């Protein structure tokens, strides 16, 4: 019998994973796609805008790391410390469909079929269903579900060049109905661009926690079967339906 503490802890992990997963679709690295060649002077923001306009579907692999600054009793010259790392595969199709399939160190799936969002936890043998609109309300969903423009939901600012990338800061446009003017849990969202391709995504929350997402082995604008985003819980699984 599993401890009653397991479910709340995993629920927190799933909620964080959900926010990062939807955001992370903007960092797809299309290794199998012939992308336009950008001049050295092309801004990172314009490269990002064009990438979002041109990417309709994609699938590949991801690595997601949660980082923190070293504590007082730890070496201060080692940089940020990895406190959690997950990896797996993803697929998406505009608008409104994606799968974020975590395979290590545990097996979980987030599936959006255009109408609802399903959280599947293999260890708990539990599937949670909720309306997609409400479930995605606190994430930068416009990056994935917007038809052609980031600018409807974000202000884009050029950042510093580092690690060989042109970094772009995404600042959510103010929502008068949201606390602190924004629905998002992050104080900073940055995307690293190289030659028209997003290569890295950094997310920083109000507590200074950093999430880094990198993607690899990407195929862009692939044909996907109609049932690719269909999910049916296994027989005997616990099913929760939230309004």
Protein backbone atom coordinates (compact mmCIF):
# COMPACT_ATOMS: atom_id res chain seq x y z
CA UNK A 1 0.00 0.00 0.00
CA UNK A 2 1.41 3.42 -0.98
CA UNK A 3 1.85 6.17 1.56
CA UNK A 4 -0.76 8.95 1.46
CA UNK A 5 2.13 11.43 1.19
CA UNK A 6 3.08 10.19 -2.28
CA UNK A 7 0.09 11.63 -4.13
CA UNK A 8 0.44 15.29 -3.02
CA UNK A 9 4.17 15.27 -3.75
CA UNK A 10 3.65 13.79 -7.19
CA UNK A 11 0.81 16.21 -7.86
CA UNK A 12 3.19 19.12 -7.26
CA UNK A 13 5.73 17.58 -9.64
CA UNK A 14 3.05 17.09 -12.29
CA UNK A 15 1.87 20.69 -12.02
CA UNK A 16 5.43 22.00 -12.43
CA UNK A 17 5.98 19.58 -15.30
CA UNK A 18 2.80 20.79 -16.97
CA UNK A 19 3.88 24.43 -16.93
CA UNK A 20 7.33 23.62 -18.27
CA UNK A 21 6.05 21.17 -20.85
CA UNK A 22 3.77 23.61 -22.59
CA UNK A 23 6.40 26.31 -22.55
CA UNK A 24 9.10 23.99 -23.79
CA UNK A 25 7.53 23.43 -27.17
CA UNK A 26 9.03 26.69 -28.35
CA UNK A 27 12.57 25.29 -28.04
CA UNK A 28 12.23 22.55 -30.63
CA UNK A 29 15.51 21.84 -32.43
CA UNK A 30 14.59 20.57 -35.90
CA UNK A 31 17.59 18.43 -36.80
CA UNK A 32 15.70 16.82 -39.68
CA UNK A 33 14.40 20.09 -41.11
CA UNK A 34 16.13 22.41 -43.53
CA UNK A 35 15.77 25.75 -41.76
CA UNK A 36 16.36 29.16 -43.33
CA UNK A 37 19.85 30.60 -42.96
CA UNK A 38 19.82 33.83 -41.00
CA UNK A 39 22.34 36.61 -41.34
CA UNK A 40 24.58 37.24 -38.37
CA UNK A 41 22.70 40.47 -37.69
CA UNK A 42 19.23 38.85 -37.64
CA UNK A 43 17.74 39.38 -34.19
CA UNK A 44 17.00 36.43 -31.95
CA UNK A 45 13.42 37.67 -31.51
CA UNK A 46 12.74 37.62 -35.24
CA UNK A 47 14.29 34.17 -35.54
CA UNK A 48 11.98 32.95 -32.77
CA UNK A 49 8.91 34.53 -34.38
CA UNK A 50 9.65 32.86 -37.70
CA UNK A 51 10.25 29.50 -36.05
CA UNK A 52 6.89 29.61 -34.26
CA UNK A 53 5.12 30.56 -37.49
CA UNK A 54 6.75 27.71 -39.43
CA UNK A 55 6.51 24.82 -36.96
CA UNK A 56 3.23 22.92 -37.26
CA UNK A 57 4.19 19.55 -35.77
CA UNK A 58 7.28 18.10 -34.14
CA UNK A 59 8.50 15.14 -32.14
CA UNK A 60 11.75 14.33 -30.40
CA UNK A 61 13.50 13.91 -27.04
CA UNK A 62 13.86 16.23 -24.05
CA UNK A 63 15.97 16.62 -20.95
CA UNK A 64 14.60 18.83 -18.19
CA UNK A 65 16.70 19.94 -15.22
CA UNK A 66 15.72 21.79 -12.06
CA UNK A 67 18.69 23.80 -10.75
CA UNK A 68 19.54 25.76 -7.62
CA UNK A 69 22.38 27.93 -6.38
CA UNK A 70 24.94 26.24 -4.06
CA UNK A 71 24.20 26.41 -0.35
CA UNK A 72 26.53 28.15 2.10
CA UNK A 73 28.25 24.86 3.05
CA UNK A 74 28.78 23.81 -0.59
CA UNK A 75 31.56 24.83 -3.04
CA UNK A 76 30.68 28.21 -4.53
CA UNK A 77 32.70 27.78 -7.74
CA UNK A 78 30.73 24.89 -9.24
CA UNK A 79 27.78 26.92 -10.53
CA UNK A 80 24.15 25.85 -10.25
CA UNK A 81 23.47 22.40 -8.80
CA UNK A 82 21.10 19.93 -10.49
CA UNK A 83 18.49 18.84 -7.94
CA UNK A 84 16.17 16.97 -10.31
CA UNK A 85 16.48 15.71 -13.88
CA UNK A 86 13.88 14.03 -16.06
CA UNK A 87 14.00 12.90 -19.65
CA UNK A 88 11.71 11.43 -22.24
CA UNK A 89 9.97 12.12 -25.53
CA UNK A 90 7.47 14.69 -26.78
CA UNK A 91 5.21 15.31 -29.74
CA UNK A 92 2.93 18.23 -30.60
CA UNK A 93 0.55 19.43 -33.26
CA UNK A 94 -0.82 22.95 -33.55
CA UNK A 95 -3.28 23.89 -32.30
CA UNK A 96 -4.01 22.27 -28.98
CA UNK A 97 -2.46 18.80 -29.06
CA UNK A 98 0.68 17.49 -27.37
CA UNK A 99 2.22 14.60 -25.46
CA UNK A 100 5.00 15.15 -22.89
CA UNK A 101 6.16 11.62 -22.07
CA UNK A 102 8.56 11.42 -19.11
CA UNK A 103 10.37 8.07 -19.14
CA UNK A 104 13.14 8.52 -16.54
CA UNK A 105 13.44 8.41 -13.55
CA UNK A 106 9.69 7.66 -13.43
CA UNK A 107 7.01 7.17 -16.07
CA UNK A 108 4.43 9.93 -16.46
CA UNK A 109 2.55 11.38 -19.40
CA UNK A 110 0.83 14.68 -20.07
CA UNK A 111 -1.56 14.44 -23.01
CA UNK A 112 -3.61 17.27 -24.50
CA UNK A 113 -6.08 16.16 -27.17
CA UNK A 114 -7.41 19.62 -28.00
CA UNK A 115 -10.30 19.47 -25.54
CA UNK A 116 -8.93 18.02 -22.32
CA UNK A 117 -5.64 17.51 -20.52
CA UNK A 118 -4.80 14.07 -19.14
CA UNK A 119 -2.15 13.42 -16.49
CA UNK A 120 -1.14 9.75 -16.39
CA UNK A 121 1.07 8.35 -13.62
CA UNK A 122 2.10 4.75 -14.14
CA UNK A 123 3.37 4.21 -10.58
CA UNK A 124 0.11 5.45 -9.09
CA UNK A 125 -1.93 3.76 -11.84
CA UNK A 126 -3.91 6.99 -11.98
CA UNK A 127 -5.26 9.19 -14.78
CA UNK A 128 -6.52 12.73 -14.11
CA UNK A 129 -8.71 14.47 -16.69
CA UNK A 130 -9.48 18.19 -16.74
CA UNK A 131 -10.65 20.75 -19.30
CA UNK A 132 -7.66 21.87 -21.36
CA UNK A 133 -8.49 25.57 -21.20
CA UNK A 134 -8.52 25.71 -17.41
CA UNK A 135 -5.53 23.40 -17.01
CA UNK A 136 -3.37 25.49 -19.33
CA UNK A 137 -4.43 28.86 -17.94
CA UNK A 138 -1.25 29.29 -15.86
CA UNK A 139 1.17 28.33 -18.63
CA UNK A 140 2.51 30.19 -21.69
CA UNK A 141 0.04 28.22 -23.82
CA UNK A 142 -0.03 30.89 -26.52
CA UNK A 143 3.44 29.80 -27.63
CA UNK A 144 2.08 26.39 -28.57
CA UNK A 145 -1.55 27.20 -29.40
CA UNK A 146 -1.19 30.62 -30.98
CA UNK A 147 -1.80 30.49 -34.70
CA UNK A 148 1.10 32.63 -35.89
CA UNK A 149 2.24 35.26 -33.40
CA UNK A 150 4.00 35.31 -30.05
CA UNK A 151 3.40 39.05 -29.83
CA UNK A 152 -0.26 38.63 -28.91
CA UNK A 153 0.74 37.24 -25.51
CA UNK A 154 4.37 38.29 -24.97
CA UNK A 155 6.71 41.23 -25.37
CA UNK A 156 10.02 40.03 -26.82
CA UNK A 157 13.32 41.63 -25.82
CA UNK A 158 16.82 40.95 -27.07
CA UNK A 159 19.10 39.55 -24.36
CA UNK A 160 22.84 39.01 -24.14
CA UNK A 161 24.74 36.65 -26.43
CA UNK A 162 26.11 33.74 -24.41
CA UNK A 163 27.05 30.11 -24.97
CA UNK A 164 27.03 30.86 -28.69
CA UNK A 165 23.33 31.71 -28.66
CA UNK A 166 21.23 34.83 -29.14
CA UNK A 167 18.96 34.96 -26.09
CA UNK A 168 15.43 36.35 -26.20
CA UNK A 169 13.46 37.35 -23.10
CA UNK A 170 9.70 36.72 -23.21
CA UNK A 171 7.72 39.04 -20.93
CA UNK A 172 4.01 38.13 -20.59
CA UNK A 173 1.64 40.96 -21.45
CA UNK A 174 -0.18 42.22 -18.38
CA UNK A 175 -3.49 40.61 -17.49
CA UNK A 176 -5.61 43.02 -15.39
CA UNK A 177 -7.50 40.07 -13.89
CA UNK A 178 -4.38 38.20 -12.76
CA UNK A 179 -2.52 38.54 -9.49
CA UNK A 180 0.64 40.63 -9.97
CA UNK A 181 -0.50 41.30 -13.56
CA UNK A 182 0.37 37.83 -14.90
CA UNK A 183 -1.00 34.28 -14.74
CA UNK A 184 2.43 32.74 -15.17
CA UNK A 185 4.47 31.21 -12.30
CA UNK A 186 7.78 32.42 -13.77
CA UNK A 187 9.53 35.76 -13.30
CA UNK A 188 11.81 35.16 -16.29
CA UNK A 189 11.45 33.18 -19.54
CA UNK A 190 14.43 33.11 -21.93
CA UNK A 191 15.04 31.31 -25.21
CA UNK A 192 18.48 30.72 -26.80
CA UNK A 193 18.58 30.89 -30.63
CA UNK A 194 21.22 29.74 -33.13
CA UNK A 195 20.77 30.32 -36.87
CA UNK A 196 16.99 30.38 -36.65
CA UNK A 197 16.69 27.40 -34.30
CA UNK A 198 15.77 27.55 -30.61
CA UNK A 199 18.32 25.50 -28.66
CA UNK A 200 17.58 26.12 -24.95
CA UNK A 201 14.86 27.38 -22.62
CA UNK A 202 15.41 28.85 -19.15
CA UNK A 203 12.61 29.43 -16.64
CA UNK A 204 13.10 31.23 -13.31
CA UNK A 205 10.39 31.43 -10.66
CA UNK A 206 9.89 33.88 -7.81
CA UNK A 207 11.98 31.76 -5.43
CA UNK A 208 14.98 31.77 -7.74
CA UNK A 209 14.54 28.16 -8.85
CA UNK A 210 15.80 27.60 -12.40
CA UNK A 211 14.41 25.10 -14.90
CA UNK A 212 16.49 24.32 -18.00
CA UNK A 213 14.98 22.40 -20.91
CA UNK A 214 16.96 21.13 -23.89
CA UNK A 215 15.60 19.10 -26.80
CA UNK A 216 17.29 16.74 -29.23
CA UNK A 217 16.68 14.35 -32.16
CA UNK A 218 13.83 16.49 -33.40
CA UNK A 219 11.80 15.90 -36.52
CA UNK A 220 9.79 18.95 -37.56
CA UNK A 221 6.55 19.12 -39.56
CA UNK A 222 6.08 15.35 -39.61
CA UNK A 223 2.86 13.58 -40.56
CA UNK A 224 1.04 12.35 -37.46
CA UNK A 225 -1.80 9.79 -37.35
CA UNK A 226 -5.24 11.04 -36.34
CA UNK A 227 -5.22 8.95 -33.15
CA UNK A 228 -1.72 10.04 -32.04
CA UNK A 229 -3.12 12.10 -29.12
CA UNK A 230 -5.82 9.63 -28.03
CA UNK A 231 -5.36 8.15 -24.54
CA UNK A 232 -7.43 5.46 -22.80
CA UNK A 233 -6.54 4.53 -19.18
CA UNK A 234 -5.59 0.85 -18.68
CA UNK A 235 -8.18 -1.46 -17.14
CA UNK A 236 -8.21 -1.10 -13.38
CA UNK A 237 -6.63 2.37 -13.32
CA UNK A 238 -8.00 5.04 -10.99
CA UNK A 239 -9.64 7.82 -13.01
CA UNK A 240 -10.19 11.34 -11.65
CA UNK A 241 -12.25 13.91 -13.55
CA UNK A 242 -11.82 17.52 -12.46
CA UNK A 243 -13.96 20.47 -13.54
